[in-house]
């Protein structure tokens, strides 16, 4: 068999597979996603009064006392930089990580010095992606007092809003209960 006899079927197969897997399949998947799950396919964006406030899937920084603070991001130097998604890769004995955790503890303690609750680990360590939009219910509970005091609200009202925005385990078995920080902060802003 000559080289051209082998080359032609190989090139035709390459061309056919390129069209199928590089063009037709992505278009089909995009079309199905847009038809069946348009909100998710477009980034699960939260829009209010025609303005995009964020995504329910990507964390955002909050530092005002009247808001629940998000989990720290490892996407430094810019907080919650989706282009730099990833963990810090700092080991537990790394001095930079120890200093960052100590600084985060100091910030939380300064913001609510009389808080008797232990600081939950997800308030002082970043997630694997560095973009986690959720906190544990314990991390939200730790912040209830500060948020209620800063807003002049009753703590029970803030706790109720947190409970309303606590998501359970996926399909009842996967993951842990979690609170979407952006959604609960938007609910606080709507509550007057």
N, C-alpha and C. Protein backbone atom coordinates (compact mmCIF):
# COMPACT_ATOMS: atom_id res chain seq x y z
N UNK A 1 0.84 -1.17 0.00
CA UNK A 1 0.00 0.00 0.00
C UNK A 1 0.89 1.24 0.00
N UNK A 2 0.57 2.21 -0.86
CA UNK A 2 1.41 3.41 -0.98
C UNK A 2 1.09 4.39 0.13
N UNK A 3 1.96 5.37 0.28
CA UNK A 3 1.80 6.40 1.30
C UNK A 3 0.54 7.22 1.04
N UNK A 4 0.28 7.57 -0.22
CA UNK A 4 -0.92 8.35 -0.53
C UNK A 4 -2.19 7.56 -0.26
N UNK A 5 -2.13 6.27 -0.44
CA UNK A 5 -3.31 5.43 -0.17
C UNK A 5 -3.61 5.40 1.33
N UNK A 6 -2.58 5.51 2.15
CA UNK A 6 -2.77 5.55 3.60
C UNK A 6 -3.08 6.97 4.09
N UNK A 7 -2.50 7.95 3.42
CA UNK A 7 -2.65 9.33 3.86
C UNK A 7 -4.08 9.86 3.63
N UNK A 8 -4.68 9.52 2.51
CA UNK A 8 -6.01 10.03 2.20
C UNK A 8 -7.06 9.61 3.24
N UNK A 9 -7.18 8.31 3.61
CA UNK A 9 -8.17 7.94 4.64
C UNK A 9 -7.85 8.57 6.00
N UNK A 10 -6.57 8.72 6.30
CA UNK A 10 -6.20 9.34 7.58
C UNK A 10 -6.63 10.80 7.63
N UNK A 11 -6.39 11.54 6.55
CA UNK A 11 -6.79 12.94 6.51
C UNK A 11 -8.31 13.11 6.50
N UNK A 12 -9.00 12.23 5.79
CA UNK A 12 -10.46 12.29 5.76
C UNK A 12 -11.05 11.98 7.14
N UNK A 13 -10.45 11.02 7.83
CA UNK A 13 -10.89 10.69 9.20
C UNK A 13 -10.64 11.88 10.12
N UNK A 14 -9.47 12.50 10.00
CA UNK A 14 -9.16 13.68 10.81
C UNK A 14 -10.16 14.80 10.53
N UNK A 15 -10.44 15.08 9.29
CA UNK A 15 -11.39 16.12 8.93
C UNK A 15 -12.79 15.80 9.46
N UNK A 16 -13.25 14.57 9.29
CA UNK A 16 -14.57 14.16 9.76
C UNK A 16 -14.68 14.28 11.28
N UNK A 17 -13.69 13.77 12.00
CA UNK A 17 -13.72 13.84 13.46
C UNK A 17 -13.59 15.28 13.96
N UNK A 18 -12.84 16.11 13.26
CA UNK A 18 -12.74 17.52 13.62
C UNK A 18 -14.09 18.20 13.50
N UNK A 19 -14.80 17.92 12.42
CA UNK A 19 -16.13 18.51 12.23
C UNK A 19 -17.11 18.01 13.29
N UNK A 20 -17.08 16.71 13.55
CA UNK A 20 -18.02 16.12 14.52
C UNK A 20 -17.72 16.60 15.94
N UNK A 21 -16.46 16.43 16.37
CA UNK A 21 -16.13 16.72 17.77
C UNK A 21 -15.78 18.19 18.02
N UNK A 22 -15.36 18.90 16.99
CA UNK A 22 -14.97 20.29 17.19
C UNK A 22 -16.04 21.29 16.82
N UNK A 23 -17.06 20.84 16.08
CA UNK A 23 -18.09 21.76 15.64
C UNK A 23 -19.50 21.28 15.99
N UNK A 24 -19.88 20.12 15.49
CA UNK A 24 -21.25 19.64 15.67
C UNK A 24 -21.57 19.32 17.13
N UNK A 25 -20.70 18.58 17.80
CA UNK A 25 -20.96 18.21 19.19
C UNK A 25 -21.04 19.45 20.10
N UNK A 26 -20.07 20.38 20.05
CA UNK A 26 -20.20 21.58 20.90
C UNK A 26 -21.46 22.40 20.60
N UNK A 27 -21.82 22.51 19.32
CA UNK A 27 -23.04 23.25 18.99
C UNK A 27 -24.28 22.55 19.54
N UNK A 28 -24.31 21.23 19.45
CA UNK A 28 -25.45 20.47 19.97
C UNK A 28 -25.56 20.61 21.49
N UNK A 29 -24.44 20.48 22.18
CA UNK A 29 -24.44 20.59 23.65
C UNK A 29 -24.86 22.00 24.06
N UNK A 30 -24.32 23.01 23.39
CA UNK A 30 -24.69 24.40 23.70
C UNK A 30 -26.17 24.63 23.43
N UNK A 31 -26.68 24.13 22.34
CA UNK A 31 -28.10 24.28 22.01
C UNK A 31 -29.00 23.62 23.04
N UNK A 32 -28.67 22.39 23.43
CA UNK A 32 -29.47 21.69 24.44
C UNK A 32 -29.41 22.43 25.76
N UNK A 33 -28.21 22.87 26.15
CA UNK A 33 -28.06 23.60 27.42
C UNK A 33 -28.87 24.90 27.40
N UNK A 34 -28.82 25.63 26.30
CA UNK A 34 -29.57 26.88 26.21
C UNK A 34 -31.08 26.62 26.22
N UNK A 35 -31.50 25.53 25.62
CA UNK A 35 -32.93 25.21 25.55
C UNK A 35 -33.47 24.70 26.89
N UNK A 36 -32.71 23.84 27.57
CA UNK A 36 -33.21 23.21 28.80
C UNK A 36 -32.79 23.92 30.08
N UNK A 37 -31.60 24.51 30.09
CA UNK A 37 -31.06 25.14 31.30
C UNK A 37 -30.45 26.50 30.98
N UNK A 38 -31.22 27.45 30.48
CA UNK A 38 -30.63 28.72 30.04
C UNK A 38 -29.94 29.51 31.17
N UNK A 39 -30.51 29.52 32.36
CA UNK A 39 -29.90 30.28 33.46
C UNK A 39 -28.53 29.71 33.82
N UNK A 40 -28.46 28.38 33.96
CA UNK A 40 -27.19 27.74 34.30
C UNK A 40 -26.18 27.85 33.17
N UNK A 41 -26.65 27.70 31.92
CA UNK A 41 -25.74 27.76 30.77
C UNK A 41 -25.14 29.15 30.61
N UNK A 42 -25.80 30.15 31.14
CA UNK A 42 -25.30 31.53 31.03
C UNK A 42 -24.62 32.00 32.31
N UNK A 43 -24.24 31.09 33.18
CA UNK A 43 -23.44 31.44 34.35
C UNK A 43 -24.18 31.62 35.65
N UNK A 44 -25.45 31.26 35.71
CA UNK A 44 -26.25 31.42 36.94
C UNK A 44 -26.14 32.84 37.49
N UNK A 45 -26.27 33.81 36.58
CA UNK A 45 -26.13 35.21 36.96
C UNK A 45 -27.34 35.69 37.76
N UNK A 46 -27.07 36.56 38.72
CA UNK A 46 -28.12 37.17 39.51
C UNK A 46 -28.26 38.60 39.01
N UNK A 47 -29.44 38.89 38.46
CA UNK A 47 -29.70 40.20 37.86
C UNK A 47 -30.79 40.89 38.67
N UNK A 48 -30.54 42.15 38.99
CA UNK A 48 -31.53 42.93 39.73
C UNK A 48 -31.62 44.31 39.08
N UNK A 49 -32.81 44.72 38.69
CA UNK A 49 -33.03 45.99 38.02
C UNK A 49 -32.16 46.14 36.77
N UNK A 50 -32.00 45.05 36.04
CA UNK A 50 -31.23 45.07 34.81
C UNK A 50 -29.73 45.07 35.00
N UNK A 51 -29.26 44.99 36.23
CA UNK A 51 -27.82 45.02 36.51
C UNK A 51 -27.38 43.66 37.05
N UNK A 52 -26.29 43.13 36.49
CA UNK A 52 -25.75 41.87 36.97
C UNK A 52 -25.02 42.13 38.29
N UNK A 53 -25.46 41.45 39.34
CA UNK A 53 -24.87 41.61 40.66
C UNK A 53 -23.79 40.58 40.94
N UNK A 54 -23.82 39.49 40.20
CA UNK A 54 -22.84 38.43 40.41
C UNK A 54 -23.42 37.10 39.95
N UNK A 55 -22.71 36.05 40.28
CA UNK A 55 -23.15 34.70 39.96
C UNK A 55 -23.36 33.95 41.26
N UNK A 56 -24.35 33.07 41.26
CA UNK A 56 -24.57 32.27 42.47
C UNK A 56 -23.53 31.15 42.57
N UNK A 57 -22.66 31.04 41.58
CA UNK A 57 -21.66 29.97 41.56
C UNK A 57 -20.24 30.44 41.81
N UNK A 58 -20.01 31.76 41.83
CA UNK A 58 -18.67 32.30 42.04
C UNK A 58 -18.71 33.26 43.21
N UNK A 59 -17.84 33.05 44.16
CA UNK A 59 -17.82 33.89 45.35
C UNK A 59 -17.43 35.32 45.04
N UNK A 60 -17.78 36.21 45.94
CA UNK A 60 -17.44 37.61 45.83
C UNK A 60 -16.94 38.10 47.17
N UNK A 61 -16.06 39.09 47.15
CA UNK A 61 -15.57 39.62 48.44
C UNK A 61 -16.59 40.58 49.06
N UNK A 62 -16.75 40.48 50.35
CA UNK A 62 -17.55 41.42 51.13
C UNK A 62 -16.71 41.78 52.35
N UNK A 63 -16.60 43.07 52.65
CA UNK A 63 -15.82 43.45 53.83
C UNK A 63 -16.55 44.45 54.73
N UNK A 64 -17.76 44.84 54.34
CA UNK A 64 -18.57 45.73 55.16
C UNK A 64 -19.14 44.93 56.32
N UNK A 65 -19.15 45.53 57.50
CA UNK A 65 -19.65 44.84 58.69
C UNK A 65 -21.10 44.40 58.57
N UNK A 66 -21.89 45.08 57.73
CA UNK A 66 -23.32 44.75 57.61
C UNK A 66 -23.59 43.57 56.68
N UNK A 67 -22.55 42.99 56.11
CA UNK A 67 -22.68 41.84 55.22
C UNK A 67 -21.99 40.61 55.80
N UNK A 68 -22.49 39.44 55.41
CA UNK A 68 -21.77 38.21 55.71
C UNK A 68 -20.53 38.20 54.84
N UNK A 69 -19.40 37.87 55.42
CA UNK A 69 -18.15 37.83 54.69
C UNK A 69 -18.00 36.46 54.05
N UNK A 70 -17.46 36.45 52.88
CA UNK A 70 -17.25 35.21 52.14
C UNK A 70 -16.04 34.47 52.67
N UNK A 71 -15.92 33.26 52.21
CA UNK A 71 -14.73 32.48 52.50
C UNK A 71 -13.54 33.15 51.84
N UNK A 72 -12.37 33.17 52.49
CA UNK A 72 -11.21 33.80 51.87
C UNK A 72 -10.88 33.15 50.53
N UNK A 73 -10.33 33.96 49.64
CA UNK A 73 -9.96 33.48 48.32
C UNK A 73 -8.45 33.32 48.22
N UNK A 74 -8.04 32.27 47.54
CA UNK A 74 -6.61 32.04 47.31
C UNK A 74 -6.17 32.63 45.98
N UNK A 75 -7.03 33.44 45.36
CA UNK A 75 -6.73 33.99 44.03
C UNK A 75 -6.04 35.34 44.13
N UNK A 76 -5.22 35.52 45.12
CA UNK A 76 -4.53 36.78 45.34
C UNK A 76 -3.69 37.14 44.12
N UNK A 77 -3.41 38.40 43.92
CA UNK A 77 -3.69 39.53 44.79
C UNK A 77 -5.10 40.09 44.63
N UNK A 78 -5.86 39.60 43.66
CA UNK A 78 -7.21 40.11 43.43
C UNK A 78 -8.21 39.12 44.02
N UNK A 79 -9.07 39.56 44.93
CA UNK A 79 -10.03 38.63 45.52
C UNK A 79 -11.03 38.10 44.51
N UNK A 80 -11.27 36.84 44.54
CA UNK A 80 -12.25 36.16 43.70
C UNK A 80 -12.02 36.44 42.21
N UNK A 81 -10.79 36.26 41.78
CA UNK A 81 -10.42 36.43 40.38
C UNK A 81 -10.63 35.09 39.69
N UNK A 82 -11.71 34.96 38.94
CA UNK A 82 -12.05 33.69 38.30
C UNK A 82 -10.98 33.24 37.31
N UNK A 83 -10.21 34.17 36.77
CA UNK A 83 -9.14 33.80 35.83
C UNK A 83 -7.98 33.13 36.55
N UNK A 84 -7.91 33.28 37.86
CA UNK A 84 -6.81 32.70 38.63
C UNK A 84 -7.31 31.62 39.58
N UNK A 85 -8.38 30.95 39.21
CA UNK A 85 -8.98 29.93 40.07
C UNK A 85 -7.96 28.88 40.46
N UNK A 86 -7.95 28.54 41.73
CA UNK A 86 -7.06 27.50 42.22
C UNK A 86 -6.72 27.72 43.67
N UNK A 87 -6.24 26.69 44.30
CA UNK A 87 -5.83 26.79 45.70
C UNK A 87 -4.49 27.48 45.81
N UNK A 88 -4.08 27.75 47.03
CA UNK A 88 -2.81 28.45 47.24
C UNK A 88 -1.62 27.51 47.12
N UNK A 89 -1.84 26.22 47.28
CA UNK A 89 -0.77 25.22 47.27
C UNK A 89 0.21 25.41 48.42
N UNK A 90 -0.19 26.11 49.46
CA UNK A 90 0.65 26.28 50.64
C UNK A 90 0.35 25.15 51.61
N UNK A 91 1.39 24.50 52.09
CA UNK A 91 1.23 23.41 53.04
C UNK A 91 0.87 23.93 54.42
N UNK A 92 0.40 23.06 55.31
CA UNK A 92 -0.06 23.50 56.63
C UNK A 92 1.03 24.09 57.51
N UNK A 93 2.29 23.83 57.21
CA UNK A 93 3.37 24.40 58.01
C UNK A 93 4.05 25.57 57.32
N UNK A 94 3.54 25.98 56.18
CA UNK A 94 4.13 27.08 55.44
C UNK A 94 3.92 28.38 56.22
N UNK A 95 4.98 29.14 56.47
CA UNK A 95 4.85 30.39 57.24
C UNK A 95 3.88 31.39 56.60
N UNK A 96 3.80 31.43 55.28
CA UNK A 96 2.88 32.37 54.61
C UNK A 96 1.43 32.00 54.91
N UNK A 97 1.11 30.71 54.92
CA UNK A 97 -0.25 30.28 55.23
C UNK A 97 -0.57 30.55 56.69
N UNK A 98 0.36 30.25 57.57
CA UNK A 98 0.15 30.48 59.00
C UNK A 98 -0.10 31.97 59.26
N UNK A 99 0.67 32.83 58.62
CA UNK A 99 0.49 34.29 58.79
C UNK A 99 -0.86 34.72 58.23
N UNK A 100 -1.24 34.19 57.06
CA UNK A 100 -2.53 34.56 56.46
C UNK A 100 -3.68 34.15 57.38
N UNK A 101 -3.61 32.96 57.95
CA UNK A 101 -4.66 32.49 58.86
C UNK A 101 -4.69 33.35 60.12
N UNK A 102 -3.53 33.68 60.65
CA UNK A 102 -3.48 34.53 61.85
C UNK A 102 -4.07 35.91 61.56
N UNK A 103 -3.78 36.45 60.38
CA UNK A 103 -4.33 37.76 59.99
C UNK A 103 -5.85 37.69 59.86
N UNK A 104 -6.35 36.59 59.29
CA UNK A 104 -7.80 36.43 59.14
C UNK A 104 -8.49 36.30 60.49
N UNK A 105 -7.87 35.57 61.41
CA UNK A 105 -8.42 35.44 62.77
C UNK A 105 -8.45 36.81 63.44
N UNK A 106 -7.38 37.58 63.28
CA UNK A 106 -7.32 38.91 63.88
C UNK A 106 -8.40 39.83 63.30
N UNK A 107 -8.63 39.75 62.00
CA UNK A 107 -9.66 40.58 61.36
C UNK A 107 -11.05 40.21 61.88
N UNK A 108 -11.34 38.91 61.97
CA UNK A 108 -12.64 38.47 62.46
C UNK A 108 -12.83 38.86 63.93
N UNK A 109 -11.79 38.72 64.73
CA UNK A 109 -11.87 39.06 66.14
C UNK A 109 -12.06 40.56 66.32
N UNK A 110 -11.37 41.37 65.52
CA UNK A 110 -11.51 42.82 65.62
C UNK A 110 -12.91 43.27 65.21
N UNK A 111 -13.51 42.58 64.25
CA UNK A 111 -14.84 42.95 63.77
C UNK A 111 -15.94 42.61 64.78
N UNK A 112 -15.70 41.60 65.62
CA UNK A 112 -16.71 41.17 66.60
C UNK A 112 -15.97 40.66 67.84
N UNK A 113 -15.37 41.57 68.63
CA UNK A 113 -14.48 41.15 69.71
C UNK A 113 -15.14 40.34 70.83
N UNK A 114 -16.43 40.48 71.03
CA UNK A 114 -17.10 39.77 72.13
C UNK A 114 -17.77 38.48 71.69
N UNK A 115 -17.51 38.05 70.47
CA UNK A 115 -18.15 36.83 69.95
C UNK A 115 -17.58 35.62 70.69
N UNK A 116 -18.44 34.87 71.41
CA UNK A 116 -17.95 33.73 72.18
C UNK A 116 -17.78 32.45 71.35
N UNK A 117 -18.29 32.45 70.12
CA UNK A 117 -18.24 31.23 69.30
C UNK A 117 -16.85 31.00 68.74
N UNK A 118 -16.48 29.73 68.56
CA UNK A 118 -15.20 29.45 67.90
C UNK A 118 -15.29 29.84 66.42
N UNK A 119 -14.19 30.32 65.86
CA UNK A 119 -14.17 30.73 64.46
C UNK A 119 -14.14 29.48 63.59
N UNK A 120 -15.13 29.29 62.74
CA UNK A 120 -15.15 28.12 61.86
C UNK A 120 -14.00 28.17 60.85
N UNK A 121 -13.49 27.02 60.50
CA UNK A 121 -12.32 26.93 59.64
C UNK A 121 -12.55 27.53 58.26
N UNK A 122 -13.79 27.48 57.75
CA UNK A 122 -14.01 28.02 56.41
C UNK A 122 -14.02 29.55 56.38
N UNK A 123 -13.93 30.21 57.52
CA UNK A 123 -13.77 31.67 57.53
C UNK A 123 -12.30 32.09 57.49
N UNK A 124 -11.40 31.12 57.70
CA UNK A 124 -9.98 31.48 57.74
C UNK A 124 -9.13 30.72 56.72
N UNK A 125 -9.74 29.79 55.99
CA UNK A 125 -9.00 29.06 54.96
C UNK A 125 -9.76 29.12 53.64
N UNK A 126 -9.02 29.15 52.54
CA UNK A 126 -9.64 29.22 51.22
C UNK A 126 -10.05 27.82 50.77
N UNK A 127 -10.99 27.78 49.84
CA UNK A 127 -11.41 26.51 49.26
C UNK A 127 -10.41 26.10 48.18
N UNK A 128 -10.59 24.91 47.64
CA UNK A 128 -9.69 24.42 46.59
C UNK A 128 -9.69 25.29 45.36
N UNK A 129 -10.84 25.83 44.98
CA UNK A 129 -10.91 26.68 43.79
C UNK A 129 -10.56 28.12 44.11
N UNK A 130 -10.71 28.52 45.36
CA UNK A 130 -10.51 29.90 45.73
C UNK A 130 -11.68 30.78 45.35
N UNK A 131 -12.77 30.18 44.86
CA UNK A 131 -13.93 30.95 44.39
C UNK A 131 -15.24 30.48 45.01
N UNK A 132 -15.17 29.80 46.12
CA UNK A 132 -16.35 29.18 46.72
C UNK A 132 -17.38 30.24 47.11
N UNK A 133 -18.62 30.14 46.60
CA UNK A 133 -19.66 31.12 46.95
C UNK A 133 -20.39 30.79 48.24
N UNK A 134 -20.05 29.67 48.87
CA UNK A 134 -20.80 29.19 50.03
C UNK A 134 -19.97 29.24 51.31
N UNK A 135 -20.70 29.29 52.41
CA UNK A 135 -20.14 29.12 53.75
C UNK A 135 -20.90 28.00 54.43
N UNK A 136 -20.29 27.43 55.44
CA UNK A 136 -21.00 26.46 56.25
C UNK A 136 -22.03 27.21 57.11
N UNK A 137 -23.09 26.54 57.54
CA UNK A 137 -24.03 27.21 58.45
C UNK A 137 -23.34 27.72 59.71
N UNK A 138 -22.31 27.01 60.18
CA UNK A 138 -21.58 27.46 61.37
C UNK A 138 -20.85 28.78 61.11
N UNK A 139 -20.28 28.93 59.90
CA UNK A 139 -19.59 30.18 59.56
C UNK A 139 -20.58 31.33 59.44
N UNK A 140 -21.76 31.05 58.92
CA UNK A 140 -22.79 32.08 58.85
C UNK A 140 -23.26 32.44 60.26
N UNK A 141 -23.48 31.43 61.09
CA UNK A 141 -23.93 31.66 62.46
C UNK A 141 -22.93 32.50 63.24
N UNK A 142 -21.63 32.25 63.00
CA UNK A 142 -20.59 33.03 63.68
C UNK A 142 -20.74 34.53 63.37
N UNK A 143 -21.25 34.87 62.19
CA UNK A 143 -21.31 36.26 61.76
C UNK A 143 -22.65 36.94 62.05
N UNK A 144 -23.65 36.17 62.47
CA UNK A 144 -25.00 36.71 62.68
C UNK A 144 -24.98 37.90 63.62
N UNK A 145 -24.29 37.80 64.73
CA UNK A 145 -24.28 38.89 65.72
C UNK A 145 -23.74 40.18 65.13
N UNK A 146 -22.61 40.08 64.44
CA UNK A 146 -21.99 41.26 63.84
C UNK A 146 -22.90 41.91 62.80
N UNK A 147 -23.47 41.08 61.92
CA UNK A 147 -24.34 41.59 60.86
C UNK A 147 -25.59 42.24 61.47
N UNK A 148 -26.19 41.59 62.44
CA UNK A 148 -27.41 42.13 63.07
C UNK A 148 -27.10 43.46 63.75
N UNK A 149 -25.99 43.52 64.45
CA UNK A 149 -25.62 44.76 65.15
C UNK A 149 -25.34 45.89 64.15
N UNK A 150 -24.62 45.59 63.07
CA UNK A 150 -24.28 46.61 62.07
C UNK A 150 -25.51 47.12 61.34
N UNK A 151 -26.53 46.29 61.21
CA UNK A 151 -27.76 46.69 60.51
C UNK A 151 -28.86 47.17 61.45
N UNK A 152 -28.63 47.03 62.75
CA UNK A 152 -29.67 47.40 63.71
C UNK A 152 -30.86 46.46 63.64
N UNK A 153 -30.60 45.19 63.32
CA UNK A 153 -31.67 44.20 63.19
C UNK A 153 -31.63 43.24 64.37
N UNK A 154 -32.73 42.56 64.58
CA UNK A 154 -32.80 41.52 65.59
C UNK A 154 -32.03 40.29 65.08
N UNK A 155 -31.26 39.68 65.96
CA UNK A 155 -30.46 38.50 65.57
C UNK A 155 -31.35 37.37 65.05
N UNK A 156 -32.53 37.21 65.62
CA UNK A 156 -33.42 36.14 65.18
C UNK A 156 -33.88 36.35 63.73
N UNK A 157 -34.07 37.59 63.33
CA UNK A 157 -34.47 37.89 61.95
C UNK A 157 -33.33 37.52 61.00
N UNK A 158 -32.10 37.87 61.39
CA UNK A 158 -30.93 37.54 60.56
C UNK A 158 -30.77 36.02 60.48
N UNK A 159 -30.95 35.33 61.61
CA UNK A 159 -30.86 33.86 61.61
C UNK A 159 -31.91 33.24 60.70
N UNK A 160 -33.11 33.81 60.71
CA UNK A 160 -34.17 33.30 59.85
C UNK A 160 -33.80 33.46 58.37
N UNK A 161 -33.24 34.60 58.02
CA UNK A 161 -32.81 34.82 56.64
C UNK A 161 -31.70 33.83 56.24
N UNK A 162 -30.80 33.57 57.16
CA UNK A 162 -29.74 32.57 56.90
C UNK A 162 -30.38 31.20 56.69
N UNK A 163 -31.32 30.84 57.55
CA UNK A 163 -31.98 29.53 57.42
C UNK A 163 -32.71 29.42 56.09
N UNK A 164 -33.35 30.51 55.65
CA UNK A 164 -34.06 30.49 54.37
C UNK A 164 -33.12 30.32 53.18
N UNK A 165 -31.86 30.71 53.36
CA UNK A 165 -30.88 30.62 52.27
C UNK A 165 -29.85 29.52 52.50
N UNK A 166 -30.17 28.59 53.39
CA UNK A 166 -29.30 27.44 53.60
C UNK A 166 -29.75 26.32 52.68
N UNK A 167 -28.85 25.86 51.86
CA UNK A 167 -29.12 24.77 50.92
C UNK A 167 -28.74 23.46 51.57
N UNK A 168 -29.56 22.46 51.38
CA UNK A 168 -29.27 21.14 51.95
C UNK A 168 -28.31 20.35 51.08
N UNK A 169 -28.12 19.11 51.46
CA UNK A 169 -27.27 18.22 50.67
C UNK A 169 -27.90 17.97 49.31
N UNK A 170 -27.06 17.88 48.29
CA UNK A 170 -27.58 17.61 46.95
C UNK A 170 -28.17 16.21 46.93
N UNK A 171 -29.40 16.11 46.43
CA UNK A 171 -30.17 14.86 46.39
C UNK A 171 -30.28 14.22 47.77
N UNK A 172 -30.11 15.02 48.81
CA UNK A 172 -30.26 14.54 50.17
C UNK A 172 -29.07 13.77 50.71
N UNK A 173 -28.03 13.54 49.90
CA UNK A 173 -26.90 12.73 50.38
C UNK A 173 -25.52 13.32 50.09
N UNK A 174 -25.40 14.12 49.04
CA UNK A 174 -24.08 14.60 48.63
C UNK A 174 -23.75 15.96 49.23
N UNK A 175 -22.54 16.09 49.72
CA UNK A 175 -22.08 17.37 50.25
C UNK A 175 -22.61 17.66 51.63
N UNK A 176 -22.43 18.89 52.02
CA UNK A 176 -22.86 19.36 53.33
C UNK A 176 -23.82 20.54 53.15
N UNK A 177 -24.64 20.82 54.15
CA UNK A 177 -25.47 22.02 54.07
C UNK A 177 -24.58 23.26 53.91
N UNK A 178 -25.08 24.26 53.17
CA UNK A 178 -24.26 25.43 52.87
C UNK A 178 -25.14 26.65 52.69
N UNK A 179 -24.53 27.81 52.87
CA UNK A 179 -25.22 29.09 52.74
C UNK A 179 -24.55 29.87 51.62
N UNK A 180 -25.34 30.31 50.63
CA UNK A 180 -24.79 31.11 49.55
C UNK A 180 -24.67 32.55 50.05
N UNK A 181 -23.46 33.04 50.13
CA UNK A 181 -23.19 34.35 50.75
C UNK A 181 -23.85 35.49 49.97
N UNK A 182 -23.73 35.49 48.66
CA UNK A 182 -24.32 36.56 47.86
C UNK A 182 -25.84 36.59 48.03
N UNK A 183 -26.47 35.43 47.99
CA UNK A 183 -27.94 35.39 48.10
C UNK A 183 -28.43 35.86 49.47
N UNK A 184 -27.74 35.46 50.54
CA UNK A 184 -28.19 35.90 51.86
C UNK A 184 -27.92 37.39 52.05
N UNK A 185 -26.83 37.91 51.47
CA UNK A 185 -26.57 39.35 51.56
C UNK A 185 -27.60 40.16 50.78
N UNK A 186 -28.02 39.65 49.62
CA UNK A 186 -29.07 40.33 48.86
C UNK A 186 -30.40 40.30 49.64
N UNK A 187 -30.67 39.19 50.31
CA UNK A 187 -31.89 39.10 51.12
C UNK A 187 -31.84 40.11 52.27
N UNK A 188 -30.67 40.30 52.85
CA UNK A 188 -30.53 41.30 53.91
C UNK A 188 -30.80 42.70 53.37
N UNK A 189 -30.30 43.00 52.18
CA UNK A 189 -30.54 44.31 51.58
C UNK A 189 -32.01 44.54 51.27
N UNK A 190 -32.72 43.49 50.88
CA UNK A 190 -34.15 43.62 50.57
C UNK A 190 -34.98 43.78 51.83
N UNK A 191 -34.50 43.24 52.95
CA UNK A 191 -35.24 43.30 54.21
C UNK A 191 -35.13 44.70 54.80
N UNK A 192 -36.23 45.35 54.97
CA UNK A 192 -36.18 46.72 55.52
C UNK A 192 -36.98 46.80 56.78
